[in-house]
Amino acid sequence: MNINGYTFEAFLPFSLENISEIECYMECASRKYPGHSAVIMALICFLSTTAAVAQEYKYEIGGSAGLSMYMGDANQSALLRGFNPAGGLVFRRNFNFRWALKTDLMIGKITGDTKNTENVFPNQGEASFSRTFFEIGGQTEFNFLPYSDKFAYLNTSKIAPYLLSGLGITAAPGTNRTFVGVHFSLGAGVKYKVRNRINLGMEYAVHKLFNDSFDAPNKEGFGLDNPYHIQSGLFKNKDWYNTLMFSVTWDFGPNDRKCTNE
């Protein structure tokens, strides 16, 4: 690209990867061509609207705490019932202001009792259970607003609601039966950048399991592993658990700034 006799390709590529890089090139160009700051500003503003902009930091890491709740044969409809503690670790890779990939490690507890449901089980069977579970999962997140506490000229926001979806593995030891299964997660949340590099979050997610023994830690006696003995499908007659989690994360790993003083 040539403007007023000056060639910009040497230090201003079209494939600018993030806003930090754009700002850095602006600073370099202004020093190299001090009499053309207006032209440089216009050029950079144009490029910044077409580049795939990224967060100031690539990664987040932190912890979460909240509640875990069971849904299954002993609770078929209540999304918020049977509160139990849950906690874990969170790692997030931020690709840009809108998209992120999150990995979580979680430990939680579920409880259930057929006395708390209106369902009638075969032979008037009754069952209750309490079970600790472990989860490792990965979710893709989409922010409805461009999330950042900087770059105000791009209309970024310090608070952003988001949707999440992903897959994971859930394991739960039992009295004489260990559960291990794949889950599909779907949820929504909100992020708030309380200050530079520190984020607060809240999210609610449902975790769909693909078998029916999550609420049956004991093989003996009447259990909730397909108590009606009906044919199951991929989504029919399976267990769920839901989580309401609050998190604090810290940003790290600055995006590269390819700026020189040459």
C-alpha atoms as a PDB file:
ATOM      1  CA  MET A   1       0.000   0.000   0.000  1.00  0.00           C
ATOM      2  CA  ASN A   2       1.320   3.434  -0.964  1.00  0.00           C
ATOM      3  CA  ILE A   3       0.006   6.711   0.451  1.00  0.00           C
ATOM      4  CA  ASN A   4       1.602  10.044  -0.450  1.00  0.00           C
ATOM      5  CA  GLY A   5       4.710   8.223  -1.609  1.00  0.00           C
ATOM      6  CA  TYR A   6       5.138   6.162   1.570  1.00  0.00           C
ATOM      7  CA  THR A   7       4.998   2.362   1.532  1.00  0.00           C
ATOM      8  CA  PHE A   8       3.251   0.742   4.508  1.00  0.00           C
ATOM      9  CA  GLU A   9       3.561  -2.984   3.753  1.00  0.00           C
ATOM     10  CA  ALA A  10       6.839  -3.242   5.671  1.00  0.00           C
ATOM     11  CA  PHE A  11       5.172  -2.749   9.011  1.00  0.00           C
ATOM     12  CA  LEU A  12       1.377  -2.772   8.420  1.00  0.00           C
ATOM     13  CA  PRO A  13       0.103  -6.158   7.157  1.00  0.00           C
ATOM     14  CA  PHE A  14      -3.564  -6.651   6.378  1.00  0.00           C
ATOM     15  CA  SER A  15      -3.825  -9.729   8.594  1.00  0.00           C
ATOM     16  CA  LEU A  16      -3.678  -7.863  11.896  1.00  0.00           C
ATOM     17  CA  GLU A  17      -4.593 -10.416  14.535  1.00  0.00           C
ATOM     18  CA  ASN A  18      -5.759  -8.261  17.433  1.00  0.00           C
ATOM     19  CA  ILE A  19      -6.318  -4.785  18.698  1.00  0.00           C
ATOM     20  CA  SER A  20      -3.113  -4.696  20.736  1.00  0.00           C
ATOM     21  CA  GLU A  21      -1.183  -5.254  17.521  1.00  0.00           C
ATOM     22  CA  ILE A  22      -3.188  -2.557  15.721  1.00  0.00           C
ATOM     23  CA  GLU A  23      -2.430  -0.016  18.433  1.00  0.00           C
ATOM     24  CA  CYS A  24       1.230  -0.980  18.354  1.00  0.00           C
ATOM     25  CA  TYR A  25       1.518  -0.499  14.599  1.00  0.00           C
ATOM     26  CA  MET A  26      -0.204   2.854  14.950  1.00  0.00           C
ATOM     27  CA  GLU A  27       2.447   3.952  17.419  1.00  0.00           C
ATOM     28  CA  CYS A  28       5.270   2.730  15.162  1.00  0.00           C
ATOM     29  CA  ALA A  29       3.808   4.418  12.082  1.00  0.00           C
ATOM     30  CA  SER A  30       3.344   7.721  13.894  1.00  0.00           C
ATOM     31  CA  ARG A  31       7.005   7.720  14.919  1.00  0.00           C
ATOM     32  CA  LYS A  32       8.195   6.822  11.426  1.00  0.00           C
ATOM     33  CA  TYR A  33       5.970   9.296   9.592  1.00  0.00           C
ATOM     34  CA  PRO A  34       5.181  12.075  12.104  1.00  0.00           C
ATOM     35  CA  GLY A  35       3.716  14.402   9.488  1.00  0.00           C
ATOM     36  CA  HIS A  36       1.010  11.976   8.376  1.00  0.00           C
ATOM     37  CA  SER A  37      -0.718  11.054  11.618  1.00  0.00           C
ATOM     38  CA  ALA A  38      -4.187  11.820  10.244  1.00  0.00           C
ATOM     39  CA  VAL A  39      -3.703   9.498   7.274  1.00  0.00           C
ATOM     40  CA  ILE A  40      -2.284   6.794   9.518  1.00  0.00           C
ATOM     41  CA  MET A  41      -5.188   7.141  11.963  1.00  0.00           C
ATOM     42  CA  ALA A  42      -7.761   6.790   9.183  1.00  0.00           C
ATOM     43  CA  LEU A  43      -5.981   3.771   7.749  1.00  0.00           C
ATOM     44  CA  ILE A  44      -5.725   2.010  11.118  1.00  0.00           C
ATOM     45  CA  CYS A  45      -9.356   2.717  12.000  1.00  0.00           C
ATOM     46  CA  PHE A  46     -10.428   1.148   8.718  1.00  0.00           C
ATOM     47  CA  LEU A  47      -8.295  -1.924   9.250  1.00  0.00           C
ATOM     48  CA  SER A  48      -9.411  -2.327  12.867  1.00  0.00           C
ATOM     49  CA  THR A  49     -13.033  -2.658  11.769  1.00  0.00           C
ATOM     50  CA  THR A  50     -12.167  -5.525   9.424  1.00  0.00           C
ATOM     51  CA  ALA A  51      -9.578  -7.393  11.492  1.00  0.00           C
ATOM     52  CA  ALA A  52     -10.455 -10.298  13.753  1.00  0.00           C
ATOM     53  CA  VAL A  53      -9.923  -8.543  17.074  1.00  0.00           C
ATOM     54  CA  ALA A  54      -8.862 -10.388  20.182  1.00  0.00           C
ATOM     55  CA  GLN A  55      -8.806  -9.927  23.913  1.00  0.00           C
ATOM     56  CA  GLU A  56      -5.861  -8.210  25.557  1.00  0.00           C
ATOM     57  CA  TYR A  57      -5.070 -11.544  27.282  1.00  0.00           C
ATOM     58  CA  LYS A  58      -5.412 -14.992  25.782  1.00  0.00           C
ATOM     59  CA  TYR A  59      -6.215 -17.027  28.908  1.00  0.00           C
ATOM     60  CA  GLU A  60      -8.145 -17.043  32.183  1.00  0.00           C
ATOM     61  CA  ILE A  61      -7.752 -19.326  35.159  1.00  0.00           C
ATOM     62  CA  GLY A  62      -9.625 -19.400  38.438  1.00  0.00           C
ATOM     63  CA  GLY A  63     -12.051 -21.180  40.705  1.00  0.00           C
ATOM     64  CA  SER A  64     -15.798 -21.657  40.992  1.00  0.00           C
ATOM     65  CA  ALA A  65     -18.272 -22.523  43.724  1.00  0.00           C
ATOM     66  CA  GLY A  66     -22.004 -23.014  43.733  1.00  0.00           C
ATOM     67  CA  LEU A  67     -24.785 -25.575  43.738  1.00  0.00           C
ATOM     68  CA  SER A  68     -25.485 -28.881  42.010  1.00  0.00           C
ATOM     69  CA  MET A  69     -28.964 -30.356  41.603  1.00  0.00           C
ATOM     70  CA  TYR A  70     -30.291 -33.701  40.387  1.00  0.00           C
ATOM     71  CA  MET A  71     -33.014 -34.429  37.826  1.00  0.00           C
ATOM     72  CA  GLY A  72     -34.209 -37.949  37.073  1.00  0.00           C
ATOM     73  CA  ASP A  73     -36.788 -40.489  38.178  1.00  0.00           C
ATOM     74  CA  ALA A  74     -37.020 -38.911  41.640  1.00  0.00           C
ATOM     75  CA  ASN A  75     -37.268 -35.351  40.257  1.00  0.00           C
ATOM     76  CA  GLN A  76     -38.558 -35.081  36.718  1.00  0.00           C
ATOM     77  CA  SER A  77     -39.371 -31.399  36.356  1.00  0.00           C
ATOM     78  CA  ALA A  78     -37.937 -29.083  39.046  1.00  0.00           C
ATOM     79  CA  LEU A  79     -34.842 -27.303  37.755  1.00  0.00           C
ATOM     80  CA  LEU A  80     -34.021 -25.877  41.182  1.00  0.00           C
ATOM     81  CA  ARG A  81     -34.495 -28.598  43.800  1.00  0.00           C
ATOM     82  CA  GLY A  82     -32.186 -30.538  46.090  1.00  0.00           C
ATOM     83  CA  PHE A  83     -29.406 -27.978  46.463  1.00  0.00           C
ATOM     84  CA  ASN A  84     -25.982 -29.440  47.193  1.00  0.00           C
ATOM     85  CA  PRO A  85     -22.517 -27.869  47.209  1.00  0.00           C
ATOM     86  CA  ALA A  86     -20.243 -27.900  44.162  1.00  0.00           C
ATOM     87  CA  GLY A  87     -16.877 -26.383  43.336  1.00  0.00           C
ATOM     88  CA  GLY A  88     -14.092 -26.569  40.828  1.00  0.00           C
ATOM     89  CA  LEU A  89     -11.424 -25.033  38.633  1.00  0.00           C
ATOM     90  CA  VAL A  90     -11.947 -23.041  35.429  1.00  0.00           C
ATOM     91  CA  PHE A  91      -9.611 -22.456  32.496  1.00  0.00           C
ATOM     92  CA  ARG A  92     -10.667 -20.333  29.527  1.00  0.00           C
ATOM     93  CA  ARG A  93      -9.062 -19.577  26.164  1.00  0.00           C
ATOM     94  CA  ASN A  94     -10.325 -16.269  24.759  1.00  0.00           C
ATOM     95  CA  PHE A  95     -10.138 -16.124  20.969  1.00  0.00           C
ATOM     96  CA  ASN A  96     -11.707 -12.681  20.569  1.00  0.00           C
ATOM     97  CA  PHE A  97     -14.309 -10.442  22.202  1.00  0.00           C
ATOM     98  CA  ARG A  98     -17.143 -12.853  21.343  1.00  0.00           C
ATOM     99  CA  TRP A  99     -15.830 -16.419  21.399  1.00  0.00           C
ATOM    100  CA  ALA A 100     -14.091 -18.467  24.088  1.00  0.00           C
ATOM    101  CA  LEU A 101     -13.373 -22.108  24.898  1.00  0.00           C
ATOM    102  CA  LYS A 102     -13.699 -23.137  28.542  1.00  0.00           C
ATOM    103  CA  THR A 103     -12.471 -26.241  30.364  1.00  0.00           C
ATOM    104  CA  ASP A 104     -13.701 -27.067  33.859  1.00  0.00           C
ATOM    105  CA  LEU A 105     -12.928 -29.575  36.584  1.00  0.00           C
ATOM    106  CA  MET A 106     -15.745 -29.935  39.083  1.00  0.00           C
ATOM    107  CA  ILE A 107     -16.734 -31.899  42.154  1.00  0.00           C
ATOM    108  CA  GLY A 108     -20.311 -31.857  43.379  1.00  0.00           C
ATOM    109  CA  LYS A 109     -23.015 -33.795  45.149  1.00  0.00           C
ATOM    110  CA  ILE A 110     -26.513 -34.938  44.220  1.00  0.00           C
ATOM    111  CA  THR A 111     -29.293 -36.294  46.397  1.00  0.00           C
ATOM    112  CA  GLY A 112     -32.755 -37.642  45.668  1.00  0.00           C
ATOM    113  CA  ASP A 113     -35.716 -39.293  47.372  1.00  0.00           C
ATOM    114  CA  THR A 114     -38.784 -40.827  45.748  1.00  0.00           C
ATOM    115  CA  LYS A 115     -40.872 -39.592  48.694  1.00  0.00           C
ATOM    116  CA  ASN A 116     -40.506 -36.085  47.243  1.00  0.00           C
ATOM    117  CA  THR A 117     -42.097 -37.004  43.917  1.00  0.00           C
ATOM    118  CA  GLU A 118     -45.626 -37.773  42.800  1.00  0.00           C
ATOM    119  CA  ASN A 119     -44.429 -40.659  40.631  1.00  0.00           C
ATOM    120  CA  VAL A 120     -45.715 -44.105  41.527  1.00  0.00           C
ATOM    121  CA  PHE A 121     -43.094 -46.810  41.080  1.00  0.00           C
ATOM    122  CA  PRO A 122     -43.628 -50.549  40.508  1.00  0.00           C
ATOM    123  CA  ASN A 123     -44.545 -52.487  43.662  1.00  0.00           C
ATOM    124  CA  GLN A 124     -44.725 -49.177  45.554  1.00  0.00           C
ATOM    125  CA  GLY A 125     -40.952 -49.095  45.478  1.00  0.00           C
ATOM    126  CA  GLU A 126     -39.086 -46.311  47.262  1.00  0.00           C
ATOM    127  CA  ALA A 127     -35.481 -45.228  47.059  1.00  0.00           C
ATOM    128  CA  SER A 128     -33.237 -42.464  48.267  1.00  0.00           C
ATOM    129  CA  PHE A 129     -29.597 -41.755  47.483  1.00  0.00           C
ATOM    130  CA  SER A 130     -26.695 -39.388  48.032  1.00  0.00           C
ATOM    131  CA  ARG A 131     -23.763 -39.360  45.655  1.00  0.00           C
ATOM    132  CA  THR A 132     -20.587 -37.373  44.992  1.00  0.00           C
ATOM    133  CA  PHE A 133     -19.633 -36.842  41.352  1.00  0.00           C
ATOM    134  CA  PHE A 134     -16.639 -35.568  39.410  1.00  0.00           C
ATOM    135  CA  GLU A 135     -16.754 -33.788  36.077  1.00  0.00           C
ATOM    136  CA  ILE A 136     -14.325 -32.751  33.384  1.00  0.00           C
ATOM    137  CA  GLY A 137     -15.840 -30.812  30.534  1.00  0.00           C
ATOM    138  CA  GLY A 138     -15.254 -28.435  27.681  1.00  0.00           C
ATOM    139  CA  GLN A 139     -17.669 -25.782  26.454  1.00  0.00           C
ATOM    140  CA  THR A 140     -17.757 -23.211  23.694  1.00  0.00           C
ATOM    141  CA  GLU A 141     -18.972 -19.791  24.867  1.00  0.00           C
ATOM    142  CA  PHE A 142     -20.515 -16.984  22.815  1.00  0.00           C
ATOM    143  CA  ASN A 143     -20.713 -13.495  24.330  1.00  0.00           C
ATOM    144  CA  PHE A 144     -23.673 -11.366  23.235  1.00  0.00           C
ATOM    145  CA  LEU A 145     -21.570  -8.226  23.756  1.00  0.00           C
ATOM    146  CA  PRO A 146     -17.883  -7.634  22.897  1.00  0.00           C
ATOM    147  CA  TYR A 147     -16.347  -8.370  26.292  1.00  0.00           C
ATOM    148  CA  SER A 148     -13.458  -6.174  27.490  1.00  0.00           C
ATOM    149  CA  ASP A 149     -12.718  -3.289  29.842  1.00  0.00           C
ATOM    150  CA  LYS A 150     -10.596  -1.617  27.166  1.00  0.00           C
ATOM    151  CA  PHE A 151     -10.979  -0.568  23.505  1.00  0.00           C
ATOM    152  CA  ALA A 152     -13.999   1.666  24.159  1.00  0.00           C
ATOM    153  CA  TYR A 153     -13.865   2.875  20.538  1.00  0.00           C
ATOM    154  CA  LEU A 154     -15.037  -0.641  19.570  1.00  0.00           C
ATOM    155  CA  ASN A 155     -18.075  -0.378  21.885  1.00  0.00           C
ATOM    156  CA  THR A 156     -16.793  -3.089  24.199  1.00  0.00           C
ATOM    157  CA  SER A 157     -18.591  -3.872  27.432  1.00  0.00           C
ATOM    158  CA  LYS A 158     -17.354  -4.805  30.914  1.00  0.00           C
ATOM    159  CA  ILE A 159     -20.425  -7.003  31.354  1.00  0.00           C
ATOM    160  CA  ALA A 160     -21.568  -9.614  28.860  1.00  0.00           C
ATOM    161  CA  PRO A 161     -24.262 -12.297  28.919  1.00  0.00           C
ATOM    162  CA  TYR A 162     -23.297 -15.499  27.114  1.00  0.00           C
ATOM    163  CA  LEU A 163     -24.451 -18.939  26.001  1.00  0.00           C
ATOM    164  CA  LEU A 164     -22.455 -22.140  26.425  1.00  0.00           C
ATOM    165  CA  SER A 165     -22.589 -25.616  24.961  1.00  0.00           C
ATOM    166  CA  GLY A 166     -20.243 -28.569  25.183  1.00  0.00           C
ATOM    167  CA  LEU A 167     -19.421 -32.130  26.153  1.00  0.00           C
ATOM    168  CA  GLY A 168     -17.729 -33.790  29.091  1.00  0.00           C
ATOM    169  CA  ILE A 169     -17.291 -36.898  31.213  1.00  0.00           C
ATOM    170  CA  THR A 170     -18.964 -37.458  34.575  1.00  0.00           C
ATOM    171  CA  ALA A 171     -17.866 -40.083  37.105  1.00  0.00           C
ATOM    172  CA  ALA A 172     -19.458 -40.972  40.433  1.00  0.00           C
ATOM    173  CA  PRO A 173     -18.454 -43.707  42.906  1.00  0.00           C
ATOM    174  CA  GLY A 174     -21.213 -45.626  44.654  1.00  0.00           C
ATOM    175  CA  THR A 175     -21.846 -48.272  47.275  1.00  0.00           C
ATOM    176  CA  ASN A 176     -21.253 -51.109  44.842  1.00  0.00           C
ATOM    177  CA  ARG A 177     -21.673 -49.377  41.474  1.00  0.00           C
ATOM    178  CA  THR A 178     -19.456 -46.766  39.851  1.00  0.00           C
ATOM    179  CA  PHE A 179     -20.975 -44.470  37.267  1.00  0.00           C
ATOM    180  CA  VAL A 180     -18.966 -43.175  34.289  1.00  0.00           C
ATOM    181  CA  GLY A 181     -20.681 -41.479  31.385  1.00  0.00           C
ATOM    182  CA  VAL A 182     -20.631 -38.751  28.768  1.00  0.00           C
ATOM    183  CA  HIS A 183     -22.725 -35.634  29.273  1.00  0.00           C
ATOM    184  CA  PHE A 184     -23.936 -32.815  27.020  1.00  0.00           C
ATOM    185  CA  SER A 185     -24.092 -29.394  28.653  1.00  0.00           C
ATOM    186  CA  LEU A 186     -26.142 -26.345  27.706  1.00  0.00           C
ATOM    187  CA  GLY A 187     -26.479 -23.132  29.654  1.00  0.00           C
ATOM    188  CA  ALA A 188     -26.257 -19.383  29.977  1.00  0.00           C
ATOM    189  CA  GLY A 189     -24.356 -16.962  32.152  1.00  0.00           C
ATOM    190  CA  VAL A 190     -22.992 -13.490  32.588  1.00  0.00           C
ATOM    191  CA  LYS A 191     -19.404 -12.182  32.910  1.00  0.00           C
ATOM    192  CA  TYR A 192     -18.281  -8.989  34.587  1.00  0.00           C
ATOM    193  CA  LYS A 193     -14.773  -7.552  34.414  1.00  0.00           C
ATOM    194  CA  VAL A 194     -14.585  -6.048  37.877  1.00  0.00           C
ATOM    195  CA  ARG A 195     -11.110  -4.632  37.185  1.00  0.00           C
ATOM    196  CA  ASN A 196      -8.204  -5.177  34.833  1.00  0.00           C
ATOM    197  CA  ARG A 197      -7.447  -8.928  34.600  1.00  0.00           C
ATOM    198  CA  ILE A 198     -10.093  -9.966  37.169  1.00  0.00           C
ATOM    199  CA  ASN A 199     -13.439 -11.427  36.069  1.00  0.00           C
ATOM    200  CA  LEU A 200     -16.552 -12.430  37.988  1.00  0.00           C
ATOM    201  CA  GLY A 201     -18.983 -14.911  36.486  1.00  0.00           C
ATOM    202  CA  MET A 202     -22.303 -16.613  37.114  1.00  0.00           C
ATOM    203  CA  GLU A 203     -23.766 -19.406  35.010  1.00  0.00           C
ATOM    204  CA  TYR A 204     -26.554 -21.948  35.071  1.00  0.00           C
ATOM    205  CA  ALA A 205     -26.113 -25.125  33.043  1.00  0.00           C
ATOM    206  CA  VAL A 206     -28.003 -28.365  32.517  1.00  0.00           C
ATOM    207  CA  HIS A 207     -25.988 -31.557  31.979  1.00  0.00           C
ATOM    208  CA  LYS A 208     -27.723 -34.292  30.029  1.00  0.00           C
ATOM    209  CA  LEU A 209     -26.399 -37.796  30.693  1.00  0.00           C
ATOM    210  CA  PHE A 210     -26.821 -40.691  28.292  1.00  0.00           C
ATOM    211  CA  ASN A 211     -27.770 -43.456  30.727  1.00  0.00           C
ATOM    212  CA  ASP A 212     -30.072 -43.934  33.708  1.00  0.00           C
ATOM    213  CA  SER A 213     -27.865 -45.154  36.560  1.00  0.00           C
ATOM    214  CA  PHE A 214     -26.580 -41.810  37.853  1.00  0.00           C
ATOM    215  CA  ASP A 215     -29.228 -41.984  40.610  1.00  0.00           C
ATOM    216  CA  ALA A 216     -28.612 -45.665  41.434  1.00  0.00           C
ATOM    217  CA  PRO A 217     -25.376 -46.021  43.433  1.00  0.00           C
ATOM    218  CA  ASN A 218     -26.475 -49.370  44.876  1.00  0.00           C
ATOM    219  CA  LYS A 219     -27.308 -52.439  42.782  1.00  0.00           C
ATOM    220  CA  GLU A 220     -29.185 -54.113  45.624  1.00  0.00           C
ATOM    221  CA  GLY A 221     -32.872 -53.610  46.389  1.00  0.00           C
ATOM    222  CA  PHE A 222     -35.191 -51.262  44.526  1.00  0.00           C
ATOM    223  CA  GLY A 223     -33.224 -48.730  42.501  1.00  0.00           C
ATOM    224  CA  LEU A 224     -33.803 -45.926  40.020  1.00  0.00           C
ATOM    225  CA  ASP A 225     -31.856 -47.481  37.152  1.00  0.00           C
ATOM    226  CA  ASN A 226     -34.765 -47.790  34.688  1.00  0.00           C
ATOM    227  CA  PRO A 227     -37.317 -48.619  37.423  1.00  0.00           C
ATOM    228  CA  TYR A 228     -40.197 -49.005  34.924  1.00  0.00           C
ATOM    229  CA  HIS A 229     -38.185 -51.393  32.712  1.00  0.00           C
ATOM    230  CA  ILE A 230     -39.088 -49.519  29.551  1.00  0.00           C
ATOM    231  CA  GLN A 231     -37.013 -49.237  26.403  1.00  0.00           C
ATOM    232  CA  SER A 232     -34.672 -46.263  26.524  1.00  0.00           C
ATOM    233  CA  GLY A 233     -33.628 -44.011  23.671  1.00  0.00           C
ATOM    234  CA  LEU A 234     -30.783 -41.576  23.222  1.00  0.00           C
ATOM    235  CA  PHE A 235     -32.628 -38.837  25.115  1.00  0.00           C
ATOM    236  CA  LYS A 236     -35.471 -40.807  26.713  1.00  0.00           C
ATOM    237  CA  ASN A 237     -35.336 -42.155  30.266  1.00  0.00           C
ATOM    238  CA  LYS A 238     -31.942 -40.618  31.084  1.00  0.00           C
ATOM    239  CA  ASP A 239     -30.664 -38.670  34.077  1.00  0.00           C
ATOM    240  CA  TRP A 240     -29.645 -35.023  34.328  1.00  0.00           C
ATOM    241  CA  TYR A 241     -27.905 -32.749  36.783  1.00  0.00           C
ATOM    242  CA  ASN A 242     -27.887 -28.971  36.856  1.00  0.00           C
ATOM    243  CA  THR A 243     -25.336 -26.521  38.231  1.00  0.00           C
ATOM    244  CA  LEU A 244     -25.474 -22.900  39.348  1.00  0.00           C
ATOM    245  CA  MET A 245     -21.893 -21.689  39.631  1.00  0.00           C
ATOM    246  CA  PHE A 246     -20.137 -18.454  40.595  1.00  0.00           C
ATOM    247  CA  SER A 247     -16.539 -17.944  39.476  1.00  0.00           C
ATOM    248  CA  VAL A 248     -13.539 -15.655  39.846  1.00  0.00           C
ATOM    249  CA  THR A 249     -10.872 -15.795  37.140  1.00  0.00           C
ATOM    250  CA  TRP A 250      -7.596 -14.013  36.422  1.00  0.00           C
ATOM    251  CA  ASP A 251      -6.388 -13.050  32.936  1.00  0.00           C
ATOM    252  CA  PHE A 252      -2.883 -13.985  31.811  1.00  0.00           C
ATOM    253  CA  GLY A 253      -0.863 -14.561  28.656  1.00  0.00           C
ATOM    254  CA  PRO A 254      -0.843 -11.209  26.807  1.00  0.00           C
ATOM    255  CA  ASN A 255      -1.421 -11.347  23.086  1.00  0.00           C
ATOM    256  CA  ASP A 256       1.775 -10.772  21.139  1.00  0.00           C
ATOM    257  CA  ARG A 257       2.675  -7.188  20.315  1.00  0.00           C
ATOM    258  CA  LYS A 258       4.783  -7.258  17.176  1.00  0.00           C
ATOM    259  CA  CYS A 259       6.045  -3.714  17.537  1.00  0.00           C
ATOM    260  CA  THR A 260       9.588  -2.498  16.919  1.00  0.00           C
ATOM    261  CA  ASN A 261      11.311   0.871  17.039  1.00  0.00           C
ATOM    262  CA  GLU A 262      12.924   0.504  13.636  1.00  0.00           C
END
